[in-house]
Amino acid sequence: MSFDMNQCKIGDLIVSRHGMILVYEGEIGVLNYPHRVRYPDGGKGSRCHDGFVYLSNRLDTDHDIIAFAKDYYSLFLTDGYFKSNFDL
């Protein structure tokens, strides 16, 4: 499983492997973890270029990125649902 974070644009909604929807906030210039994401509760996190939380020592509980939310949930939810759950 791998997701190319370089294809994200600021404000894109992305989904973790546990189904959580996060907001892509852009690149932050940190060598190994250059991509910033925001959780629904407002918390921030970073990701590697391949969407993983960690380069190594990965956990089953990690919210690794697997897809754009619009692609992953397009059969189940509408864009209005996504936008109403984030302070974009």
C-alpha atoms as a PDB file:
ATOM      1  CA  MET A   1       0.000   0.000   0.000  1.00  0.00           C
ATOM      2  CA  SER A   2       1.364   3.371  -1.007  1.00  0.00           C
ATOM      3  CA  PHE A   3      -0.080   6.763  -1.911  1.00  0.00           C
ATOM      4  CA  ASP A   4       1.891   9.510  -3.679  1.00  0.00           C
ATOM      5  CA  MET A   5       1.491  12.574  -1.450  1.00  0.00           C
ATOM      6  CA  ASN A   6       3.152  14.711  -4.142  1.00  0.00           C
ATOM      7  CA  GLN A   7      -0.094  14.637  -6.127  1.00  0.00           C
ATOM      8  CA  CYS A   8      -2.004  16.403  -3.314  1.00  0.00           C
ATOM      9  CA  LYS A   9      -2.988  20.060  -3.384  1.00  0.00           C
ATOM     10  CA  ILE A  10      -3.670  22.215  -0.336  1.00  0.00           C
ATOM     11  CA  GLY A  11      -7.217  21.554   0.869  1.00  0.00           C
ATOM     12  CA  ASP A  12      -7.527  18.093  -0.674  1.00  0.00           C
ATOM     13  CA  LEU A  13      -9.448  15.607   1.419  1.00  0.00           C
ATOM     14  CA  ILE A  14      -7.573  12.332   1.843  1.00  0.00           C
ATOM     15  CA  VAL A  15      -8.469   9.120   3.632  1.00  0.00           C
ATOM     16  CA  SER A  16      -6.418   6.980   5.989  1.00  0.00           C
ATOM     17  CA  ARG A  17      -6.409   3.192   5.926  1.00  0.00           C
ATOM     18  CA  HIS A  18      -8.763   3.285   8.928  1.00  0.00           C
ATOM     19  CA  GLY A  19     -11.299   5.423   7.065  1.00  0.00           C
ATOM     20  CA  MET A  20     -10.523   8.752   8.730  1.00  0.00           C
ATOM     21  CA  ILE A  21     -10.760  11.757   6.427  1.00  0.00           C
ATOM     22  CA  LEU A  22      -7.904  14.258   6.747  1.00  0.00           C
ATOM     23  CA  VAL A  23      -7.150  17.570   5.033  1.00  0.00           C
ATOM     24  CA  TYR A  24      -3.893  18.043   3.142  1.00  0.00           C
ATOM     25  CA  GLU A  25      -2.230  21.289   4.269  1.00  0.00           C
ATOM     26  CA  GLY A  26       0.849  21.321   2.039  1.00  0.00           C
ATOM     27  CA  GLU A  27       4.566  20.725   2.168  1.00  0.00           C
ATOM     28  CA  ILE A  28       6.486  21.836   5.235  1.00  0.00           C
ATOM     29  CA  GLY A  29      10.053  21.299   4.052  1.00  0.00           C
ATOM     30  CA  VAL A  30      11.063  18.628   6.564  1.00  0.00           C
ATOM     31  CA  LEU A  31      13.364  16.097   4.883  1.00  0.00           C
ATOM     32  CA  ASN A  32      11.729  12.741   5.775  1.00  0.00           C
ATOM     33  CA  TYR A  33       8.198  13.957   6.623  1.00  0.00           C
ATOM     34  CA  PRO A  34       7.517  16.846   4.233  1.00  0.00           C
ATOM     35  CA  HIS A  35       3.708  16.681   4.038  1.00  0.00           C
ATOM     36  CA  ARG A  36       1.386  18.261   6.647  1.00  0.00           C
ATOM     37  CA  VAL A  37      -2.115  16.896   7.261  1.00  0.00           C
ATOM     38  CA  ARG A  38      -4.913  17.993   9.596  1.00  0.00           C
ATOM     39  CA  TYR A  39      -7.147  15.606  11.530  1.00  0.00           C
ATOM     40  CA  PRO A  40     -10.900  16.184  12.043  1.00  0.00           C
ATOM     41  CA  ASP A  41     -10.253  17.316  15.632  1.00  0.00           C
ATOM     42  CA  GLY A  42      -7.860  20.027  14.375  1.00  0.00           C
ATOM     43  CA  GLY A  43      -4.683  18.142  15.266  1.00  0.00           C
ATOM     44  CA  LYS A  44      -1.765  18.207  12.833  1.00  0.00           C
ATOM     45  CA  GLY A  45       0.443  15.434  11.536  1.00  0.00           C
ATOM     46  CA  SER A  46       3.068  14.808   8.908  1.00  0.00           C
ATOM     47  CA  ARG A  47       3.551  12.129   6.288  1.00  0.00           C
ATOM     48  CA  CYS A  48       6.335  10.696   4.124  1.00  0.00           C
ATOM     49  CA  HIS A  49       6.085  11.083   0.337  1.00  0.00           C
ATOM     50  CA  ASP A  50       4.415   7.647   0.172  1.00  0.00           C
ATOM     51  CA  GLY A  51       1.669   8.547   2.680  1.00  0.00           C
ATOM     52  CA  PHE A  52       3.025   6.603   5.636  1.00  0.00           C
ATOM     53  CA  VAL A  53       3.158   8.049   9.158  1.00  0.00           C
ATOM     54  CA  TYR A  54       6.647   6.595   9.752  1.00  0.00           C
ATOM     55  CA  LEU A  55       9.530   5.557   7.504  1.00  0.00           C
ATOM     56  CA  SER A  56       9.996   2.418   9.618  1.00  0.00           C
ATOM     57  CA  ASN A  57       8.608   0.863  12.829  1.00  0.00           C
ATOM     58  CA  ARG A  58       5.092   1.169  11.452  1.00  0.00           C
ATOM     59  CA  LEU A  59       2.072   0.292  13.589  1.00  0.00           C
ATOM     60  CA  ASP A  60      -1.321  -1.161  12.638  1.00  0.00           C
ATOM     61  CA  THR A  61      -2.910   1.868  14.310  1.00  0.00           C
ATOM     62  CA  ASP A  62      -1.109   4.388  12.048  1.00  0.00           C
ATOM     63  CA  HIS A  63      -3.350   6.529   9.849  1.00  0.00           C
ATOM     64  CA  ASP A  64      -1.380   5.947   6.646  1.00  0.00           C
ATOM     65  CA  ILE A  65      -2.906   7.683   3.631  1.00  0.00           C
ATOM     66  CA  ILE A  66      -4.410   5.391   0.988  1.00  0.00           C
ATOM     67  CA  ALA A  67      -6.503   7.563  -1.372  1.00  0.00           C
ATOM     68  CA  PHE A  68      -8.213  10.833  -2.101  1.00  0.00           C
ATOM     69  CA  ALA A  69     -11.483  10.887  -0.160  1.00  0.00           C
ATOM     70  CA  LYS A  70     -13.486  11.837  -3.265  1.00  0.00           C
ATOM     71  CA  ASP A  71     -12.298   8.673  -4.992  1.00  0.00           C
ATOM     72  CA  TYR A  72     -12.542   6.345  -1.998  1.00  0.00           C
ATOM     73  CA  TYR A  73     -15.969   7.422  -0.737  1.00  0.00           C
ATOM     74  CA  SER A  74     -17.582   8.595  -3.979  1.00  0.00           C
ATOM     75  CA  LEU A  75     -20.147   5.787  -3.868  1.00  0.00           C
ATOM     76  CA  PHE A  76     -21.212   6.495  -0.290  1.00  0.00           C
ATOM     77  CA  LEU A  77     -21.003  10.187   0.549  1.00  0.00           C
ATOM     78  CA  THR A  78     -21.370  13.591  -1.083  1.00  0.00           C
ATOM     79  CA  ASP A  79     -18.937  16.490  -1.210  1.00  0.00           C
ATOM     80  CA  GLY A  80     -21.300  18.430   1.057  1.00  0.00           C
ATOM     81  CA  TYR A  81     -20.736  15.887   3.818  1.00  0.00           C
ATOM     82  CA  PHE A  82     -16.960  16.273   3.620  1.00  0.00           C
ATOM     83  CA  LYS A  83     -17.039  20.068   3.578  1.00  0.00           C
ATOM     84  CA  SER A  84     -19.423  20.297   6.515  1.00  0.00           C
ATOM     85  CA  ASN A  85     -17.091  18.261   8.715  1.00  0.00           C
ATOM     86  CA  PHE A  86     -13.995  20.433   8.282  1.00  0.00           C
ATOM     87  CA  ASP A  87     -13.274  24.065   8.884  1.00  0.00           C
ATOM     88  CA  LEU A  88     -11.865  24.683   5.412  1.00  0.00           C
END
